[in-house]
Protein backbone atom coordinates (compact mmCIF):
# COMPACT_ATOMS: atom_id res chain seq x y z
CA UNK A 1 17.80 -13.45 88.58
CA UNK A 2 14.54 -15.20 89.16
CA UNK A 3 12.01 -13.51 87.29
CA UNK A 4 9.47 -11.51 90.10
CA UNK A 5 5.72 -12.37 89.79
CA UNK A 6 3.42 -8.98 90.57
CA UNK A 7 -0.43 -9.14 90.89
CA UNK A 8 -1.61 -5.88 89.94
CA UNK A 9 -5.19 -5.40 91.62
CA UNK A 10 -7.50 -3.44 88.50
CA UNK A 11 -11.13 -2.04 88.16
CA UNK A 12 -11.72 1.15 86.53
CA UNK A 13 -7.82 2.10 86.38
CA UNK A 14 -7.12 -0.85 85.13
CA UNK A 15 -5.81 0.60 81.00
CA UNK A 16 -4.82 4.32 82.69
CA UNK A 17 -1.74 5.64 81.85
CA UNK A 18 0.14 5.21 86.06
CA UNK A 19 -0.66 1.93 85.79
CA UNK A 20 0.52 1.19 82.57
CA UNK A 21 3.88 3.51 83.15
CA UNK A 22 4.13 1.08 86.20
CA UNK A 23 3.80 -1.46 85.13
CA UNK A 24 6.86 -0.67 81.77
CA UNK A 25 8.97 0.25 84.93
CA UNK A 26 8.73 -2.94 86.57
CA UNK A 27 9.17 -4.51 83.25
CA UNK A 28 12.76 -2.71 82.77
CA UNK A 29 13.97 -3.02 85.94
CA UNK A 30 14.54 -6.70 84.87
CA UNK A 31 12.70 -10.11 84.95
CA UNK A 32 8.78 -9.79 85.59
CA UNK A 33 5.51 -12.01 85.50
CA UNK A 34 2.29 -10.52 85.58
CA UNK A 35 -1.18 -11.34 86.53
CA UNK A 36 -4.21 -9.19 86.09
CA UNK A 37 -6.88 -9.40 88.77
CA UNK A 38 -10.07 -7.61 87.55
CA UNK A 39 -12.50 -7.55 90.29
CA UNK A 40 -16.21 -8.15 88.85
CA UNK A 41 -17.71 -5.03 90.74
CA UNK A 42 -21.08 -4.12 90.43
CA UNK A 43 -21.38 -0.90 88.39
CA UNK A 44 -24.05 1.73 89.64
CA UNK A 45 -27.14 1.30 88.86
CA UNK A 46 -28.98 -1.47 87.00
CA UNK A 47 -26.62 -4.25 86.61
CA UNK A 48 -26.29 -8.34 86.45
CA UNK A 49 -23.84 -10.76 87.35
CA UNK A 50 -23.37 -11.74 84.31
CA UNK A 51 -22.85 -8.29 82.90
CA UNK A 52 -20.17 -7.22 85.65
CA UNK A 53 -18.40 -10.20 84.66
CA UNK A 54 -18.44 -9.32 81.17
CA UNK A 55 -17.33 -5.72 81.35
CA UNK A 56 -14.35 -6.76 83.85
CA UNK A 57 -13.31 -9.77 80.68
CA UNK A 58 -13.46 -6.65 78.41
CA UNK A 59 -10.68 -4.71 80.41
CA UNK A 60 -9.50 -7.79 81.11
CA UNK A 61 -8.53 -8.42 77.42
CA UNK A 62 -7.79 -5.11 76.51
CA UNK A 63 -4.92 -4.71 79.27
CA UNK A 64 -3.31 -7.76 78.03
CA UNK A 65 -3.58 -6.70 74.63
CA UNK A 66 -2.15 -3.32 75.62
CA UNK A 67 0.66 -5.11 77.51
CA UNK A 68 1.56 -7.61 74.53
CA UNK A 69 1.94 -4.92 72.07
CA UNK A 70 4.63 -3.63 73.87
CA UNK A 71 6.32 -7.03 74.32
CA UNK A 72 5.14 -7.54 77.88
CA UNK A 73 3.12 -10.76 78.63
CA UNK A 74 0.56 -10.78 80.99
CA UNK A 75 -1.87 -13.59 82.40
CA UNK A 76 -5.43 -12.31 83.92
CA UNK A 77 -8.37 -13.48 85.42
CA UNK A 78 -11.86 -11.82 86.49
CA UNK A 79 -12.26 -12.27 90.35
CA UNK A 80 -15.02 -11.45 93.00
CA UNK A 81 -15.89 -8.37 92.80
CA UNK A 82 -14.79 -7.38 96.66
CA UNK A 83 -10.73 -7.03 95.38
CA UNK A 84 -9.52 -7.95 98.49
CA UNK A 85 -11.95 -11.24 98.69
CA UNK A 86 -9.77 -11.85 95.20
CA UNK A 87 -6.55 -11.43 96.24
CA UNK A 88 -6.83 -13.85 99.19
CA UNK A 89 -8.44 -16.97 96.74
CA UNK A 90 -5.81 -16.20 94.62
CA UNK A 91 -3.03 -16.28 97.17
CA UNK A 92 -4.07 -19.16 98.46
CA UNK A 93 -3.42 -21.49 95.57
CA UNK A 94 -0.53 -18.91 93.79
CA UNK A 95 2.80 -17.02 94.86
CA UNK A 96 3.91 -13.39 93.85
CA UNK A 97 6.04 -11.87 95.76
CA UNK A 98 4.71 -8.27 95.57
CA UNK A 99 1.13 -7.17 94.98
CA UNK A 100 0.26 -3.37 92.75
CA UNK A 101 -3.32 -2.10 93.76
CA UNK A 102 -4.32 0.74 90.89
CA UNK A 103 -7.22 2.73 92.30
CA UNK A 104 -9.15 5.95 92.05
CA UNK A 105 -8.05 8.98 93.68
CA UNK A 106 -9.58 9.29 97.14
CA UNK A 107 -13.34 11.29 96.92
CA UNK A 108 -13.91 9.05 94.14
CA UNK A 109 -12.39 5.30 94.78
CA UNK A 110 -14.52 3.04 97.07
CA UNK A 111 -12.05 1.02 97.01
CA UNK A 112 -10.21 3.32 98.97
CA UNK A 113 -13.68 4.44 101.33
CA UNK A 114 -13.50 0.67 102.13
CA UNK A 115 -9.51 0.75 103.23
CA UNK A 116 -8.74 -2.34 100.09
CA UNK A 117 -5.05 -0.88 100.05
CA UNK A 118 -4.53 -1.21 104.14
CA UNK A 119 -6.57 -4.49 104.25
CA UNK A 120 -4.20 -5.78 101.04
CA UNK A 121 -1.22 -4.86 103.18
CA UNK A 122 -2.29 -7.99 105.79
CA UNK A 123 -1.82 -10.54 103.22
CA UNK A 124 2.22 -9.28 104.24
CA UNK A 125 3.68 -8.54 100.41
CA UNK A 126 4.96 -5.40 99.28
CA UNK A 127 2.17 -3.45 98.42
CA UNK A 128 2.76 -0.62 95.52
CA UNK A 129 -0.34 1.78 95.21
CA UNK A 130 -0.83 3.61 92.66
CA UNK A 131 -3.43 6.88 91.97
CA UNK A 132 -5.29 6.98 88.92
CA UNK A 133 -5.15 11.14 87.76
CA UNK A 134 -8.23 13.26 88.45
CA UNK A 135 -9.10 12.79 84.52
CA UNK A 136 -9.45 9.26 84.88
CA UNK A 137 -11.51 9.84 87.69
CA UNK A 138 -14.15 11.54 85.38
CA UNK A 139 -15.30 8.09 84.35
């Protein structure tokens, strides 16, 4: 069986249990490789583009180390603050079999308020939406 390539898009929920559980479930199902996309989202309050990218890079390093500790190899990159633009940029240069997008819950998630999941479905790939728990929303 050929490796399935899965594009994983997450920001604040990147290292949270619901997404980690989904990645481990996929890994148990067969040969899979993950490519993590972390948008350099602008936090509330005062921020700089450099600071936003640095925070995203730290989250990316954290998730790849966590997964490597479990024997799961993942690549990744920091992308545009708009997750839909980031996915589009990556899909123009690489092929993937599926997208997994992880968000905060309704009422807290800016991504859901901006229809990010619906807009990503337009790329034509199977899409799994993972929602963090309400405890995660207290970040």
